[in-house]
Amino acid sequence: MRRLLAASVGLRWVHLILGGALLMPYYLLATVVAGMLGRNTFTSLGALLLIYAGALPIAAVTALFPLVRPMSVAVVRAMCGVPGERLAEGPAGSWAARGRASAWWTLHLGVGAVVSGMTLAVPPMGVVLLVLPLVPRLQRAELGLGWFSTGASVWAAPFLGLLLLAALILCAAGAGALLARLAPVLLGPTAADRLAAAEERAAELAVRNRLARELHDAVGHALSAVTLQAVAARRVLDTDPEFVREALAAIEDTTRRTVGELDAVLGLLRDGDAARPDAAPAPCLHTDLEGLLARTRAAGTPVAERQGPGPAGSWERLPAIVSREAYRIVQEGLSNAMKHGGGPVELSIAVQAAPGGQHTHELEISMTNPPAPAGIRADRTTGGRGLRGTAERAALLGGSVEAGPRDGHWRLRAVLPLGAEPAAGRPRAADPTGGSR
C-alpha cells in the first residue's frame, strides 16, 4: 500500500487525468460528427462508448505531426519516472517513429479518459456508500442504491464503498505503471536516432581530441623548450653570458608565440571566435619551421636539417592543412628529442613520388636521434599522448606515423599524401612501439 501511495503513483495518476483532458476536443469533434449523422449521442452508454471509440482514430491522425513526440517525452520524463536516456530526443523524423509516437498518444489519451471518468465518478459514489448507514436521508433518497437502501443490508454499503475506492487506486496505479513500461518502447530512440546520437558524440569527441592535440603540441612543446633553455642558461650563467642572452631571447620568443597559439586554440571553444580576423594563424612549415629549429637549437639540442628536392620556399606550395599538420608532427618529434634524446637530431623533410601510384606525391618526414644515457633524463610521464596525437593527425590525412627504436637510435617517420582528401572513418592508432615514448 505504501508503494501505491508513493509520489510517483500520484504523478502518474495526474498524467492519466491530463490524457483524459486532452481527449476532450477529439471527443467533442466525434460528437459533432455523430450528430450530423443523425445519431442521438447522449441517450445510452453504448452511444457514448461509440463516440469515445470514434475520437481515438482522430487523435491518432493528429499525433503524426513530428512535434508530438518531444512534447510527450517531456511530460513522460517529468511525470512517469522514466529515465531520460531511455527516451528519444527531438521531433520524430521517420514515419516509423511518428507511428510509434501516434500509438503512444492514442494510448495515453484513451486510457487517460477511462481513468479520468473513474476518478470523477467513483469517489462520490464511494463516499455515499461509506456514510449511507449514518445518514437516514440518503437511505430514503432515490439514488438507485436498491438493495443497500433497506434493512440490515445498508451496513454492507461501506464495505462496497471501500472496495470501489481501492479498485480505483489499483486501476490508476496499474494504468500508470503500464504506460511507464510502454513509454520507452513507443517513445524510445529508433535506430536512426541512435545513429544520429552516435554521430553527434563522435563529432564532439573529434573536437575534444583536436583541442587536446593542439594544447599538447603548442603548450607542451613550449614548456619543454623553455624549461631546457632555462636549465642550460643557469648552468653557464657565469661562464657564457652570450649563450645566456640567446637562451633568454629564445624563451621570450617561445612564450610570446605560445600565448598567440593558446589564444587561437581557446578561440575554438567560443562560437565564431575561431574565424576572427585578428586570431593568430596556425603555424605551418613554410613560415614557422626555421623559428622552431632555432628555438630547439637554443635549448641545447643540435638539429641537422636536410630538405628534399626544391628550395625551402617550396613548402608554401603545400596544401595548407598538410603544412599545418606536418609542422605539428615535427614539433612533437623535436619535443621528444629535447626531453628524451642524448645527441643531435637529424631531420629530413622531402616531397617524393608515392609508391604504387595511389597518390601522385607524398610528404615524408624522418627524424632520428640517439637516446640519452641512462639516468640523464627522466622517462616520459605523459603516457605517450604526443605520439598518439601525431598518428591521429597523419591518419586524418590518409597518412601514417611510425615511431620506435631502430639501429640504436630513436626514429620517427611520418608520411602524408598530397592532394588527397582526409581519410574517412576512425583514425588509426599509434605504433605500439612508440606508445610509451
Protein backbone atom coordinates (compact mmCIF):
# COMPACT_ATOMS: atom_id res chain seq x y z
CA MET A 1 0.00 0.00 0.00
CA ARG A 2 2.89 2.34 0.75
CA ARG A 3 4.16 1.76 -2.77
CA LEU A 4 0.77 2.56 -4.24
CA LEU A 5 0.64 5.81 -2.32
CA ALA A 6 4.12 6.84 -3.41
CA ALA A 7 4.62 10.20 -5.08
CA SER A 8 5.37 8.56 -8.44
CA VAL A 9 1.94 6.91 -8.43
CA GLY A 10 0.32 10.28 -7.79
CA LEU A 11 2.22 11.90 -10.66
CA ARG A 12 1.28 9.07 -12.99
CA TRP A 13 -2.34 9.46 -11.94
CA VAL A 14 -2.20 13.17 -12.79
CA HIS A 15 -0.57 12.21 -16.09
CA LEU A 16 -3.53 9.95 -16.89
CA ILE A 17 -6.05 12.66 -15.98
CA LEU A 18 -4.14 15.03 -18.26
CA GLY A 19 -4.55 12.48 -21.06
CA GLY A 20 -8.30 12.37 -20.43
CA ALA A 21 -8.46 16.16 -20.63
CA LEU A 22 -6.53 16.12 -23.92
CA LEU A 23 -9.04 13.67 -25.39
CA MET A 24 -11.97 16.04 -24.82
CA PRO A 25 -11.53 18.12 -28.04
CA TYR A 26 -11.44 14.91 -30.08
CA TYR A 27 -14.47 13.59 -28.21
CA LEU A 28 -16.43 16.78 -28.91
CA LEU A 29 -15.47 16.58 -32.59
CA ALA A 30 -16.64 12.98 -32.73
CA THR A 31 -19.86 14.05 -31.03
CA VAL A 32 -20.49 16.70 -33.68
CA VAL A 33 -19.83 14.17 -36.44
CA ALA A 34 -22.21 11.70 -34.81
CA GLY A 35 -24.87 14.41 -34.53
CA MET A 36 -24.50 15.26 -38.22
CA LEU A 37 -25.10 11.60 -38.99
CA GLY A 38 -28.39 11.74 -37.08
CA ARG A 39 -27.23 9.83 -34.02
CA ASN A 40 -28.65 10.69 -30.63
CA THR A 41 -25.36 10.93 -28.79
CA PHE A 42 -26.47 11.10 -25.16
CA THR A 43 -29.24 8.53 -24.89
CA SER A 44 -27.27 5.46 -23.88
CA LEU A 45 -23.94 4.24 -22.59
CA GLY A 46 -23.41 2.41 -25.85
CA ALA A 47 -23.66 5.66 -27.83
CA LEU A 48 -21.13 7.34 -25.52
CA LEU A 49 -18.73 4.44 -25.92
CA LEU A 50 -19.17 4.58 -29.70
CA ILE A 51 -18.26 8.27 -29.73
CA TYR A 52 -15.26 7.50 -27.49
CA ALA A 53 -14.12 4.86 -29.97
CA GLY A 54 -14.51 7.33 -32.84
CA ALA A 55 -12.43 10.00 -31.08
CA LEU A 56 -9.35 7.76 -30.79
CA PRO A 57 -8.60 7.49 -34.56
CA ILE A 58 -8.88 11.27 -34.86
CA ALA A 59 -6.33 11.63 -32.04
CA ALA A 60 -4.05 9.09 -33.72
CA VAL A 61 -4.04 11.03 -37.01
CA THR A 62 -3.18 14.36 -35.35
CA ALA A 63 -0.34 12.67 -33.44
CA LEU A 64 1.56 12.00 -36.67
CA PHE A 65 2.98 15.52 -36.54
CA PRO A 66 6.73 15.38 -35.60
CA LEU A 67 6.43 17.70 -32.58
CA VAL A 68 4.07 15.38 -30.73
CA ARG A 69 6.97 13.13 -29.68
CA PRO A 70 9.14 15.76 -27.92
CA MET A 71 6.06 17.10 -26.11
CA SER A 72 5.11 13.59 -24.95
CA VAL A 73 8.72 12.80 -23.96
CA ALA A 74 8.94 15.93 -21.82
CA VAL A 75 5.73 15.04 -19.96
CA VAL A 76 6.72 11.37 -19.52
CA ARG A 77 10.16 12.31 -18.22
CA ALA A 78 8.64 14.72 -15.68
CA MET A 79 5.62 12.71 -14.51
CA CYS A 80 6.14 8.99 -15.19
CA GLY A 81 9.57 8.43 -13.64
CA VAL A 82 11.11 7.11 -16.87
CA PRO A 83 14.90 7.76 -17.18
CA GLY A 84 15.65 10.34 -19.84
CA GLU A 85 18.27 8.22 -21.60
CA ARG A 86 15.58 5.66 -22.48
CA LEU A 87 13.55 8.25 -24.38
CA ALA A 88 14.22 9.83 -27.77
CA GLU A 89 15.25 13.44 -28.19
CA GLY A 90 13.86 15.82 -30.76
CA PRO A 91 10.98 15.57 -33.24
CA ALA A 92 10.12 12.26 -34.87
CA GLY A 93 11.69 12.13 -38.31
CA SER A 94 10.79 8.83 -39.91
CA TRP A 95 7.27 7.57 -40.39
CA ALA A 96 8.06 4.61 -38.15
CA ALA A 97 8.94 6.97 -35.31
CA ARG A 98 5.81 9.02 -35.97
CA GLY A 99 3.68 5.88 -35.93
CA ARG A 100 5.10 4.85 -32.55
CA ALA A 101 4.53 8.35 -31.18
CA SER A 102 0.97 8.26 -32.53
CA ALA A 103 0.37 4.90 -30.84
CA TRP A 104 1.64 6.34 -27.54
CA TRP A 105 -0.53 9.47 -27.88
CA THR A 106 -3.63 7.41 -28.61
CA LEU A 107 -2.94 5.01 -25.74
CA HIS A 108 -2.27 7.85 -23.30
CA LEU A 109 -5.47 9.70 -24.21
CA GLY A 110 -7.62 6.56 -24.40
CA VAL A 111 -6.52 5.07 -21.06
CA GLY A 112 -6.41 8.52 -19.50
CA ALA A 113 -10.05 9.16 -20.46
CA VAL A 114 -11.16 5.91 -18.77
CA VAL A 115 -9.18 6.65 -15.61
CA SER A 116 -10.43 10.25 -15.61
CA GLY A 117 -14.04 9.10 -15.85
CA MET A 118 -13.48 6.67 -12.98
CA THR A 119 -11.80 9.41 -10.94
CA LEU A 120 -14.82 11.65 -11.41
CA ALA A 121 -17.46 9.01 -10.73
CA VAL A 122 -16.05 6.55 -8.18
CA PRO A 123 -15.03 8.84 -5.25
CA PRO A 124 -18.51 10.46 -4.85
CA MET A 125 -20.17 7.06 -5.09
CA GLY A 126 -17.72 5.58 -2.59
CA VAL A 127 -18.29 8.40 -0.12
CA VAL A 128 -22.08 7.98 -0.39
CA LEU A 129 -21.78 4.26 0.33
CA LEU A 130 -19.44 4.91 3.28
CA VAL A 131 -21.82 7.30 5.02
CA LEU A 132 -25.07 5.61 3.91
CA PRO A 133 -25.74 3.80 7.26
CA LEU A 134 -25.20 7.07 9.17
CA VAL A 135 -27.43 9.37 7.09
CA PRO A 136 -31.12 8.22 7.00
CA ARG A 137 -31.97 10.86 4.40
CA LEU A 138 -29.63 9.16 1.92
CA GLN A 139 -31.37 5.85 2.59
CA ARG A 140 -34.70 7.43 1.59
CA ALA A 141 -33.32 9.32 -1.41
CA GLU A 142 -33.86 7.93 -4.89
CA LEU A 143 -30.20 7.26 -5.71
CA GLY A 144 -30.70 3.92 -7.35
CA LEU A 145 -28.97 2.12 -4.48
CA GLY A 146 -31.58 -0.61 -4.48
CA TRP A 147 -30.71 -3.40 -2.04
CA PHE A 148 -28.42 -1.16 0.06
CA SER A 149 -31.27 1.20 0.98
CA THR A 150 -33.31 -1.19 3.11
CA GLY A 151 -32.91 -3.29 6.25
CA ALA A 152 -29.69 -4.68 7.58
CA SER A 153 -28.11 -4.73 4.15
CA VAL A 154 -27.46 -1.00 4.49
CA TRP A 155 -24.39 -1.84 6.62
CA ALA A 156 -22.81 -3.63 3.65
CA ALA A 157 -22.65 -0.33 1.75
CA PRO A 158 -19.45 0.97 3.47
CA PHE A 159 -17.56 -2.20 2.53
CA LEU A 160 -18.58 -1.74 -1.10
CA GLY A 161 -17.54 1.91 -0.89
CA LEU A 162 -14.08 0.94 0.37
CA LEU A 163 -13.86 -1.70 -2.34
CA LEU A 164 -14.68 0.86 -5.05
CA LEU A 165 -12.07 3.33 -3.77
CA ALA A 166 -9.44 0.58 -3.55
CA ALA A 167 -10.30 -0.57 -7.06
CA LEU A 168 -9.90 2.99 -8.34
CA ILE A 169 -6.44 3.28 -6.78
CA LEU A 170 -5.38 -0.10 -8.15
CA CYS A 171 -6.65 0.74 -11.64
CA ALA A 172 -4.93 4.12 -11.67
CA ALA A 173 -1.66 2.64 -10.36
CA GLY A 174 -1.77 -0.24 -12.82
CA ALA A 175 -2.57 2.02 -15.78
CA GLY A 176 0.25 4.40 -14.78
CA ALA A 177 2.73 1.54 -14.46
CA LEU A 178 1.64 0.17 -17.84
CA LEU A 179 2.21 3.50 -19.57
CA ALA A 180 5.57 3.93 -17.84
CA ARG A 181 6.63 0.49 -19.09
CA LEU A 182 5.45 1.19 -22.65
CA ALA A 183 6.93 4.70 -22.87
CA PRO A 184 10.49 3.54 -23.72
CA VAL A 185 9.06 1.16 -26.32
CA LEU A 186 6.92 3.74 -28.11
CA LEU A 187 8.89 6.93 -27.34
CA GLY A 188 12.38 5.43 -27.22
CA PRO A 189 15.05 6.21 -29.81
CA THR A 190 14.86 4.47 -33.16
CA ALA A 191 17.89 3.08 -34.97
CA ALA A 192 18.15 6.36 -36.87
CA ASP A 193 18.01 8.31 -33.60
CA ARG A 194 20.78 6.16 -32.12
CA LEU A 195 22.90 6.63 -35.24
CA ALA A 196 22.40 10.41 -35.13
CA ALA A 197 23.30 10.47 -31.42
CA ALA A 198 26.40 8.36 -32.08
CA GLU A 199 27.46 10.70 -34.88
CA GLU A 200 26.95 13.70 -32.61
CA ARG A 201 29.04 12.11 -29.85
CA ALA A 202 31.73 11.22 -32.39
CA ALA A 203 31.81 14.81 -33.61
CA GLU A 204 32.11 16.08 -30.04
CA LEU A 205 34.92 13.63 -29.31
CA ALA A 206 36.68 14.68 -32.51
CA VAL A 207 36.56 18.33 -31.43
CA ARG A 208 37.81 17.43 -27.95
CA ASN A 209 40.64 15.34 -29.40
CA ARG A 210 41.57 18.17 -31.73
CA LEU A 211 41.72 20.65 -28.86
CA ALA A 212 43.74 18.19 -26.77
CA ARG A 213 46.23 17.71 -29.61
CA GLU A 214 46.62 21.43 -30.18
CA LEU A 215 47.10 22.18 -26.48
CA HIS A 216 49.54 19.32 -26.06
CA ASP A 217 51.62 20.24 -29.08
CA ALA A 218 51.63 24.01 -28.57
CA VAL A 219 51.81 24.36 -24.78
CA GLY A 220 53.61 21.09 -24.07
CA HIS A 221 56.39 21.80 -26.55
CA ALA A 222 56.78 25.37 -25.33
CA LEU A 223 57.05 24.34 -21.69
CA SER A 224 59.62 21.67 -22.53
CA ALA A 225 61.69 24.10 -24.62
CA VAL A 226 61.52 26.89 -22.04
CA THR A 227 62.48 24.53 -19.23
CA LEU A 228 65.50 23.17 -21.10
CA GLN A 229 66.58 26.66 -22.18
CA ALA A 230 66.35 27.93 -18.61
CA VAL A 231 68.32 24.94 -17.29
CA ALA A 232 71.03 25.41 -19.92
CA ALA A 233 71.27 29.14 -19.19
CA ARG A 234 71.53 28.56 -15.44
CA ARG A 235 74.42 26.15 -15.90
CA VAL A 236 76.54 28.61 -17.88
CA LEU A 237 75.32 31.82 -16.25
CA ASP A 238 78.80 32.80 -15.04
CA THR A 239 80.89 31.41 -17.89
CA ASP A 240 78.99 32.13 -21.11
CA PRO A 241 76.88 35.32 -20.90
CA GLU A 242 76.35 35.33 -24.67
CA PHE A 243 74.64 31.90 -24.55
CA VAL A 244 72.52 33.10 -21.62
CA ARG A 245 71.34 36.10 -23.65
CA GLU A 246 70.45 33.84 -26.56
CA ALA A 247 68.58 31.46 -24.26
CA LEU A 248 66.61 34.30 -22.67
CA ALA A 249 65.74 35.68 -26.11
CA ALA A 250 64.59 32.22 -27.17
CA ILE A 251 62.48 31.90 -24.02
CA GLU A 252 60.88 35.27 -24.73
CA ASP A 253 60.14 34.34 -28.34
CA THR A 254 58.79 30.91 -27.37
CA THR A 255 56.42 32.24 -24.73
CA ARG A 256 55.17 35.04 -26.96
CA ARG A 257 54.40 32.65 -29.79
CA THR A 258 52.80 30.15 -27.45
CA VAL A 259 50.47 32.77 -25.99
CA GLY A 260 49.26 33.51 -29.53
CA GLU A 261 48.77 29.81 -30.29
CA LEU A 262 46.97 29.29 -26.99
CA ASP A 263 44.62 32.16 -27.79
CA ALA A 264 43.87 30.59 -31.17
CA VAL A 265 43.13 27.21 -29.59
CA LEU A 266 40.90 28.74 -26.93
CA GLY A 267 39.08 30.56 -29.71
CA LEU A 268 37.86 27.17 -30.91
CA LEU A 269 35.89 26.90 -27.68
CA ARG A 270 33.94 30.07 -28.41
CA ASP A 271 31.28 30.28 -31.11
CA GLY A 272 32.66 32.20 -34.05
CA ASP A 273 35.94 33.16 -32.40
CA ALA A 274 37.94 30.70 -34.49
CA ALA A 275 37.20 32.79 -37.58
CA ARG A 276 38.15 36.16 -36.07
CA PRO A 277 40.34 38.27 -38.42
CA ASP A 278 42.72 39.07 -35.55
CA ALA A 279 43.14 35.42 -34.49
CA ALA A 280 46.71 34.15 -34.63
CA PRO A 281 47.25 31.94 -37.69
CA ALA A 282 48.16 28.33 -37.07
CA PRO A 283 51.90 27.65 -37.52
CA CYS A 284 52.96 25.82 -40.68
CA LEU A 285 56.13 24.63 -42.39
CA HIS A 286 56.93 27.48 -44.75
CA THR A 287 56.55 30.28 -42.17
CA ASP A 288 57.47 28.71 -38.84
CA LEU A 289 59.85 25.78 -39.39
CA GLU A 290 63.05 27.82 -39.19
CA GLY A 291 61.94 29.50 -35.97
CA LEU A 292 61.10 26.10 -34.46
CA LEU A 293 64.56 24.78 -35.35
CA ALA A 294 66.24 27.87 -33.96
CA ARG A 295 64.41 27.59 -30.63
CA THR A 296 65.30 23.90 -30.42
CA ARG A 297 68.97 24.66 -31.01
CA ALA A 298 68.85 27.43 -28.42
CA ALA A 299 67.67 24.82 -25.88
CA GLY A 300 70.91 22.92 -26.42
CA THR A 301 69.75 20.27 -28.90
CA PRO A 302 71.62 20.39 -32.23
CA VAL A 303 69.45 19.83 -35.31
CA ALA A 304 70.84 18.88 -38.70
CA GLU A 305 68.19 19.68 -41.30
CA ARG A 306 68.04 18.12 -44.73
CA GLN A 307 65.31 19.07 -47.16
CA GLY A 308 64.30 17.20 -50.27
CA PRO A 309 64.30 18.38 -53.88
CA GLY A 310 63.50 22.04 -54.39
CA PRO A 311 64.24 25.16 -52.34
CA ALA A 312 62.99 25.67 -48.80
CA GLY A 313 60.37 28.05 -50.09
CA SER A 314 58.62 25.19 -51.86
CA TRP A 315 56.84 24.35 -48.60
CA GLU A 316 54.49 27.26 -49.25
CA ARG A 317 53.08 25.32 -52.21
CA LEU A 318 51.95 22.51 -49.93
CA PRO A 319 48.22 22.23 -49.11
CA ALA A 320 47.56 24.37 -46.05
CA ILE A 321 46.27 21.51 -43.91
CA VAL A 322 49.27 19.31 -44.79
CA SER A 323 51.66 22.14 -43.94
CA ARG A 324 49.99 22.71 -40.56
CA GLU A 325 49.87 19.05 -39.57
CA ALA A 326 53.44 18.47 -40.76
CA TYR A 327 54.65 21.34 -38.59
CA ARG A 328 52.94 19.83 -35.54
CA ILE A 329 54.48 16.43 -36.24
CA VAL A 330 57.96 17.96 -36.50
CA GLN A 331 57.30 19.96 -33.34
CA GLU A 332 56.32 16.85 -31.39
CA GLY A 333 59.34 14.95 -32.66
CA LEU A 334 61.72 17.74 -31.61
CA SER A 335 59.99 18.00 -28.23
CA ASN A 336 60.60 14.29 -27.66
CA ALA A 337 64.21 14.68 -28.76
CA MET A 338 64.79 17.50 -26.28
CA LYS A 339 63.20 15.60 -23.40
CA HIS A 340 64.49 12.09 -24.07
CA GLY A 341 67.32 12.32 -26.61
CA GLY A 342 71.01 12.39 -25.93
CA GLY A 343 72.52 13.78 -29.11
CA PRO A 344 71.96 15.71 -32.33
CA VAL A 345 68.75 15.32 -34.27
CA GLU A 346 68.80 14.51 -37.96
CA LEU A 347 65.67 15.90 -39.61
CA SER A 348 64.70 15.17 -43.19
CA ILE A 349 61.64 16.63 -44.95
CA ALA A 350 61.08 15.79 -48.59
CA VAL A 351 58.36 15.57 -51.24
CA GLN A 352 58.68 12.33 -53.16
CA ALA A 353 56.73 10.17 -55.58
CA ALA A 354 54.29 7.86 -53.85
CA PRO A 355 54.80 4.14 -54.39
CA GLY A 356 52.03 2.14 -56.04
CA GLY A 357 50.50 5.13 -57.78
CA GLN A 358 47.81 5.63 -55.12
CA HIS A 359 48.80 9.29 -54.74
CA THR A 360 50.87 11.41 -57.06
CA HIS A 361 53.26 12.60 -54.36
CA GLU A 362 53.67 12.40 -50.62
CA LEU A 363 55.48 14.36 -47.93
CA GLU A 364 57.91 12.30 -45.88
CA ILE A 365 59.20 13.48 -42.50
CA SER A 366 62.03 11.49 -40.94
CA MET A 367 63.69 12.28 -37.63
CA THR A 368 66.38 10.27 -35.80
CA ASN A 369 68.44 10.92 -32.69
CA PRO A 370 70.35 8.75 -30.20
CA PRO A 371 68.72 8.04 -26.83
CA ALA A 372 70.02 9.78 -23.70
CA PRO A 373 72.40 7.83 -21.42
CA ALA A 374 70.66 6.06 -18.55
CA GLY A 375 69.81 8.38 -15.67
CA ILE A 376 70.49 11.60 -17.60
CA ARG A 377 66.86 12.43 -18.42
CA ALA A 378 63.65 11.26 -16.84
CA ASP A 379 61.29 8.89 -18.59
CA ARG A 380 58.11 10.14 -20.11
CA THR A 381 55.22 10.54 -17.66
CA THR A 382 52.51 11.72 -20.07
CA GLY A 383 51.53 8.27 -21.37
CA GLY A 384 52.68 8.94 -24.95
CA ARG A 385 49.85 11.34 -25.81
CA GLY A 386 52.05 13.27 -28.22
CA LEU A 387 52.87 10.28 -30.42
CA ARG A 388 49.22 9.18 -30.41
CA GLY A 389 48.34 12.72 -31.47
CA THR A 390 50.78 12.65 -34.39
CA ALA A 391 49.35 9.31 -35.51
CA GLU A 392 45.84 10.78 -35.41
CA ARG A 393 46.94 13.84 -37.38
CA ALA A 394 48.52 11.70 -40.07
CA ALA A 395 45.61 9.24 -40.22
CA LEU A 396 43.09 12.05 -40.75
CA LEU A 397 45.04 12.98 -43.88
CA GLY A 398 45.31 9.38 -45.06
CA GLY A 399 48.94 9.04 -43.94
CA SER A 400 50.78 7.11 -41.28
CA VAL A 401 53.34 7.54 -38.49
CA GLU A 402 55.95 5.05 -37.33
CA ALA A 403 57.92 5.61 -34.14
CA GLY A 404 60.34 3.40 -32.26
CA PRO A 405 63.94 2.32 -31.80
CA ARG A 406 65.95 1.47 -34.91
CA ASP A 407 69.67 0.71 -35.21
CA GLY A 408 70.37 2.13 -31.74
CA HIS A 409 68.55 5.41 -32.46
CA TRP A 410 65.03 6.62 -31.96
CA ARG A 411 63.29 7.12 -35.31
CA LEU A 412 60.10 8.96 -36.14
CA ARG A 413 58.80 8.70 -39.69
CA ALA A 414 55.61 10.28 -40.97
CA VAL A 415 54.17 10.04 -44.48
CA LEU A 416 51.44 12.49 -45.57
CA PRO A 417 49.81 12.11 -49.01
CA LEU A 418 49.50 15.30 -51.06
CA GLY A 419 46.38 16.24 -52.93
CA ALA A 420 44.25 13.59 -51.16
CA GLU A 421 41.05 14.04 -49.24
CA PRO A 422 41.25 13.36 -45.48
CA ALA A 423 40.66 9.70 -44.79
CA ALA A 424 37.13 8.86 -43.66
CA GLY A 425 36.47 6.75 -40.63
CA ARG A 426 38.26 6.16 -37.41
CA PRO A 427 41.88 7.37 -37.08
CA ARG A 428 44.45 4.61 -36.84
CA ALA A 429 46.19 4.09 -33.52
CA ALA A 430 49.81 4.99 -32.90
CA ASP A 431 52.53 2.41 -33.42
CA PRO A 432 52.65 0.18 -30.31
CA THR A 433 56.44 0.53 -30.14
CA GLY A 434 56.07 4.24 -29.66
CA GLY A 435 53.25 4.30 -27.17
CA SER A 436 55.49 4.66 -24.13
CA ARG A 437 57.99 7.12 -25.53
